[in-house]
Amino acid sequence: MDTKALARALREGWIAGAGIDVYEREPPEPGEELLSLPNAVLSPHISWYSEESAWDIRVKIVEDIRRFCEGKPPRFLVNPEVLQRRGT
């Protein structure tokens, strides 16, 4: 992301607003213009977190462990190509 271009677009009204959780530099510099713009919503990259999502991910992990123990492929596989290499 080009932070300066985004700040300019927000400041000059080219776009109405932006929600950001990934930055050019992590963490953003204290003087970063985006931090002071009223039409920019900034959050840490963990903005997904809630009590419900924390439990949901635990349930998915346990479900995939159970499936693995039963010889079944996981439901929530990030890289399914590994199953093809394994011959399943």
N, C-alpha and C. Protein backbone atom coordinates (compact mmCIF):
# COMPACT_ATOMS: atom_id res chain seq x y z
N MET A 1 0.83 -1.16 0.00
CA MET A 1 0.00 0.00 0.00
C MET A 1 0.89 1.23 0.00
N ASP A 2 0.51 2.19 -0.77
CA ASP A 2 1.21 3.48 -0.81
C ASP A 2 0.53 4.40 0.19
N THR A 3 1.08 4.50 1.38
CA THR A 3 0.48 5.26 2.47
C THR A 3 0.27 6.72 2.12
N LYS A 4 1.26 7.32 1.49
CA LYS A 4 1.14 8.75 1.13
C LYS A 4 0.03 8.97 0.11
N ALA A 5 -0.09 8.09 -0.87
CA ALA A 5 -1.15 8.23 -1.87
C ALA A 5 -2.53 8.03 -1.23
N LEU A 6 -2.64 7.06 -0.32
CA LEU A 6 -3.90 6.84 0.36
C LEU A 6 -4.28 8.05 1.21
N ALA A 7 -3.32 8.59 1.95
CA ALA A 7 -3.58 9.78 2.77
C ALA A 7 -4.04 10.94 1.90
N ARG A 8 -3.41 11.13 0.78
CA ARG A 8 -3.80 12.22 -0.13
C ARG A 8 -5.21 12.00 -0.66
N ALA A 9 -5.52 10.77 -1.06
CA ALA A 9 -6.85 10.46 -1.59
C ALA A 9 -7.93 10.71 -0.53
N LEU A 10 -7.64 10.37 0.71
CA LEU A 10 -8.58 10.61 1.80
C LEU A 10 -8.71 12.10 2.10
N ARG A 11 -7.60 12.78 2.17
CA ARG A 11 -7.57 14.21 2.49
C ARG A 11 -8.28 15.03 1.42
N GLU A 12 -8.09 14.69 0.15
CA GLU A 12 -8.65 15.47 -0.95
C GLU A 12 -10.02 14.97 -1.39
N GLY A 13 -10.53 13.93 -0.74
CA GLY A 13 -11.88 13.46 -1.03
C GLY A 13 -12.01 12.59 -2.27
N TRP A 14 -10.91 12.05 -2.77
CA TRP A 14 -11.00 11.13 -3.92
C TRP A 14 -11.73 9.86 -3.52
N ILE A 15 -11.55 9.47 -2.26
CA ILE A 15 -12.31 8.35 -1.70
C ILE A 15 -12.90 8.81 -0.37
N ALA A 16 -14.03 8.22 0.00
CA ALA A 16 -14.74 8.67 1.19
C ALA A 16 -14.08 8.21 2.49
N GLY A 17 -13.50 7.03 2.48
CA GLY A 17 -12.91 6.52 3.70
C GLY A 17 -12.11 5.26 3.44
N ALA A 18 -11.38 4.84 4.46
CA ALA A 18 -10.56 3.63 4.34
C ALA A 18 -10.46 2.97 5.71
N GLY A 19 -10.54 1.66 5.71
CA GLY A 19 -10.29 0.85 6.90
C GLY A 19 -8.99 0.10 6.69
N ILE A 20 -8.06 0.23 7.60
CA ILE A 20 -6.71 -0.29 7.38
C ILE A 20 -6.26 -1.12 8.58
N ASP A 21 -5.73 -2.31 8.28
CA ASP A 21 -5.13 -3.10 9.36
C ASP A 21 -3.76 -3.66 8.96
N VAL A 22 -3.28 -3.28 7.79
CA VAL A 22 -1.94 -3.65 7.34
C VAL A 22 -1.28 -2.37 6.84
N TYR A 23 -0.03 -2.18 7.22
CA TYR A 23 0.64 -0.92 6.96
C TYR A 23 1.94 -1.13 6.21
N GLU A 24 2.40 -0.05 5.57
CA GLU A 24 3.70 -0.10 4.89
C GLU A 24 4.80 -0.44 5.87
N ARG A 25 4.77 0.21 7.03
CA ARG A 25 5.70 -0.07 8.12
C ARG A 25 4.88 -0.52 9.32
N GLU A 26 5.31 -1.61 9.93
CA GLU A 26 4.62 -2.14 11.12
C GLU A 26 5.49 -1.92 12.34
N PRO A 27 5.02 -1.27 13.35
CA PRO A 27 3.79 -0.47 13.39
C PRO A 27 3.99 0.85 12.65
N PRO A 28 2.89 1.54 12.35
CA PRO A 28 3.06 2.83 11.67
C PRO A 28 3.81 3.83 12.55
N GLU A 29 4.50 4.73 11.91
CA GLU A 29 5.24 5.77 12.65
C GLU A 29 4.24 6.66 13.41
N PRO A 30 4.61 7.17 14.57
CA PRO A 30 3.70 8.02 15.35
C PRO A 30 3.19 9.24 14.57
N GLY A 31 3.99 9.79 13.68
CA GLY A 31 3.58 10.96 12.90
C GLY A 31 2.86 10.63 11.61
N GLU A 32 2.56 9.37 11.38
CA GLU A 32 1.89 8.93 10.14
C GLU A 32 0.59 9.70 9.94
N GLU A 33 0.44 10.33 8.77
CA GLU A 33 -0.74 11.17 8.51
C GLU A 33 -2.05 10.40 8.64
N LEU A 34 -2.06 9.15 8.25
CA LEU A 34 -3.30 8.36 8.33
C LEU A 34 -3.87 8.32 9.75
N LEU A 35 -2.99 8.38 10.75
CA LEU A 35 -3.43 8.32 12.14
C LEU A 35 -4.30 9.51 12.53
N SER A 36 -4.17 10.62 11.82
CA SER A 36 -4.91 11.83 12.18
C SER A 36 -6.09 12.12 11.27
N LEU A 37 -6.32 11.32 10.26
CA LEU A 37 -7.42 11.59 9.33
C LEU A 37 -8.74 11.04 9.88
N PRO A 38 -9.78 11.87 9.91
CA PRO A 38 -11.06 11.42 10.47
C PRO A 38 -11.77 10.36 9.62
N ASN A 39 -11.43 10.26 8.35
CA ASN A 39 -12.07 9.28 7.47
C ASN A 39 -11.23 8.02 7.27
N ALA A 40 -10.28 7.80 8.18
CA ALA A 40 -9.47 6.58 8.17
C ALA A 40 -9.68 5.85 9.49
N VAL A 41 -10.03 4.58 9.40
CA VAL A 41 -10.17 3.74 10.58
C VAL A 41 -9.00 2.78 10.57
N LEU A 42 -8.18 2.86 11.60
CA LEU A 42 -6.99 2.02 11.68
C LEU A 42 -7.11 1.07 12.86
N SER A 43 -6.68 -0.15 12.63
CA SER A 43 -6.70 -1.14 13.70
C SER A 43 -5.47 -2.02 13.56
N PRO A 44 -5.11 -2.71 14.64
CA PRO A 44 -4.03 -3.68 14.50
C PRO A 44 -4.47 -4.83 13.61
N HIS A 45 -3.54 -5.60 13.14
CA HIS A 45 -3.85 -6.69 12.21
C HIS A 45 -4.68 -7.79 12.86
N ILE A 46 -4.93 -7.71 14.14
CA ILE A 46 -5.74 -8.72 14.82
C ILE A 46 -7.20 -8.26 14.95
N SER A 47 -7.67 -7.41 14.06
CA SER A 47 -9.03 -6.89 14.17
C SER A 47 -10.09 -7.97 14.03
N TRP A 48 -9.73 -9.17 13.62
CA TRP A 48 -10.67 -10.29 13.52
C TRP A 48 -11.10 -10.78 14.89
N TYR A 49 -10.33 -10.46 15.92
CA TYR A 49 -10.50 -11.09 17.23
C TYR A 49 -11.80 -10.68 17.92
N SER A 50 -12.52 -11.67 18.41
CA SER A 50 -13.66 -11.49 19.29
C SER A 50 -13.77 -12.77 20.12
N GLU A 51 -14.56 -12.74 21.15
CA GLU A 51 -14.75 -13.95 21.96
C GLU A 51 -15.27 -15.10 21.10
N GLU A 52 -16.23 -14.77 20.22
CA GLU A 52 -16.82 -15.81 19.36
C GLU A 52 -15.81 -16.39 18.38
N SER A 53 -15.02 -15.51 17.76
CA SER A 53 -14.05 -16.02 16.78
C SER A 53 -12.94 -16.81 17.45
N ALA A 54 -12.58 -16.45 18.67
CA ALA A 54 -11.55 -17.20 19.39
C ALA A 54 -12.03 -18.62 19.67
N TRP A 55 -13.28 -18.77 20.06
CA TRP A 55 -13.83 -20.11 20.29
C TRP A 55 -14.01 -20.86 18.97
N ASP A 56 -14.46 -20.16 17.94
CA ASP A 56 -14.68 -20.79 16.63
C ASP A 56 -13.40 -21.40 16.09
N ILE A 57 -12.28 -20.69 16.21
CA ILE A 57 -11.02 -21.23 15.69
C ILE A 57 -10.59 -22.45 16.49
N ARG A 58 -10.84 -22.45 17.79
CA ARG A 58 -10.50 -23.63 18.61
C ARG A 58 -11.32 -24.83 18.19
N VAL A 59 -12.60 -24.62 17.92
CA VAL A 59 -13.48 -25.72 17.48
C VAL A 59 -12.98 -26.28 16.15
N LYS A 60 -12.59 -25.41 15.22
CA LYS A 60 -12.09 -25.86 13.92
C LYS A 60 -10.79 -26.67 14.07
N ILE A 61 -9.91 -26.22 14.95
CA ILE A 61 -8.65 -26.93 15.16
C ILE A 61 -8.92 -28.33 15.71
N VAL A 62 -9.77 -28.42 16.73
CA VAL A 62 -10.07 -29.72 17.34
C VAL A 62 -10.76 -30.63 16.32
N GLU A 63 -11.66 -30.08 15.53
CA GLU A 63 -12.35 -30.87 14.50
C GLU A 63 -11.35 -31.45 13.51
N ASP A 64 -10.38 -30.66 13.08
CA ASP A 64 -9.39 -31.16 12.12
C ASP A 64 -8.45 -32.19 12.77
N ILE A 65 -8.13 -32.02 14.03
CA ILE A 65 -7.32 -33.03 14.72
C ILE A 65 -8.09 -34.35 14.80
N ARG A 66 -9.37 -34.27 15.12
CA ARG A 66 -10.21 -35.47 15.18
C ARG A 66 -10.25 -36.15 13.81
N ARG A 67 -10.45 -35.38 12.77
CA ARG A 67 -10.50 -35.94 11.41
C ARG A 67 -9.17 -36.61 11.06
N PHE A 68 -8.06 -35.97 11.40
CA PHE A 68 -6.74 -36.55 11.14
C PHE A 68 -6.60 -37.89 11.84
N CYS A 69 -7.01 -37.95 13.09
CA CYS A 69 -6.91 -39.20 13.87
C CYS A 69 -7.78 -40.31 13.27
N GLU A 70 -8.83 -39.92 12.56
CA GLU A 70 -9.71 -40.89 11.91
C GLU A 70 -9.26 -41.21 10.49
N GLY A 71 -8.12 -40.64 10.06
CA GLY A 71 -7.60 -40.90 8.72
C GLY A 71 -8.29 -40.08 7.64
N LYS A 72 -9.02 -39.07 8.01
CA LYS A 72 -9.72 -38.21 7.06
C LYS A 72 -8.90 -36.94 6.82
N PRO A 73 -9.08 -36.33 5.65
CA PRO A 73 -8.38 -35.07 5.39
C PRO A 73 -9.01 -33.94 6.22
N PRO A 74 -8.23 -32.95 6.58
CA PRO A 74 -8.77 -31.84 7.35
C PRO A 74 -9.75 -31.02 6.51
N ARG A 75 -10.74 -30.44 7.16
CA ARG A 75 -11.72 -29.60 6.47
C ARG A 75 -11.17 -28.21 6.20
N PHE A 76 -10.31 -27.73 7.07
CA PHE A 76 -9.87 -26.35 7.00
C PHE A 76 -8.40 -26.26 6.59
N LEU A 77 -8.08 -26.92 5.50
CA LEU A 77 -6.70 -27.00 5.01
C LEU A 77 -6.35 -25.75 4.21
N VAL A 78 -5.26 -25.11 4.56
CA VAL A 78 -4.83 -23.89 3.89
C VAL A 78 -4.16 -24.22 2.55
N ASN A 79 -3.41 -25.32 2.51
CA ASN A 79 -2.66 -25.68 1.30
C ASN A 79 -3.08 -27.08 0.83
N PRO A 80 -4.23 -27.20 0.14
CA PRO A 80 -4.75 -28.51 -0.24
C PRO A 80 -3.83 -29.29 -1.19
N GLU A 81 -2.88 -28.65 -1.81
CA GLU A 81 -1.99 -29.36 -2.73
C GLU A 81 -1.17 -30.41 -2.00
N VAL A 82 -1.00 -30.30 -0.69
CA VAL A 82 -0.24 -31.31 0.04
C VAL A 82 -0.95 -32.67 0.03
N LEU A 83 -2.26 -32.65 -0.07
CA LEU A 83 -3.01 -33.92 -0.12
C LEU A 83 -2.74 -34.63 -1.43
N GLN A 84 -2.57 -33.91 -2.50
CA GLN A 84 -2.29 -34.53 -3.80
C GLN A 84 -0.92 -35.18 -3.79
N ARG A 85 0.05 -34.55 -3.15
CA ARG A 85 1.40 -35.12 -3.07
C ARG A 85 1.39 -36.39 -2.23
N ARG A 86 0.51 -36.40 -1.25
CA ARG A 86 0.44 -37.56 -0.36
C ARG A 86 -0.35 -38.71 -0.95
N GLY A 87 -1.10 -38.40 -2.03
CA GLY A 87 -1.85 -39.45 -2.71
C GLY A 87 -3.24 -39.67 -2.13
N THR A 88 -3.80 -38.68 -1.43
CA THR A 88 -5.15 -38.81 -0.89
C THR A 88 -6.12 -37.95 -1.67
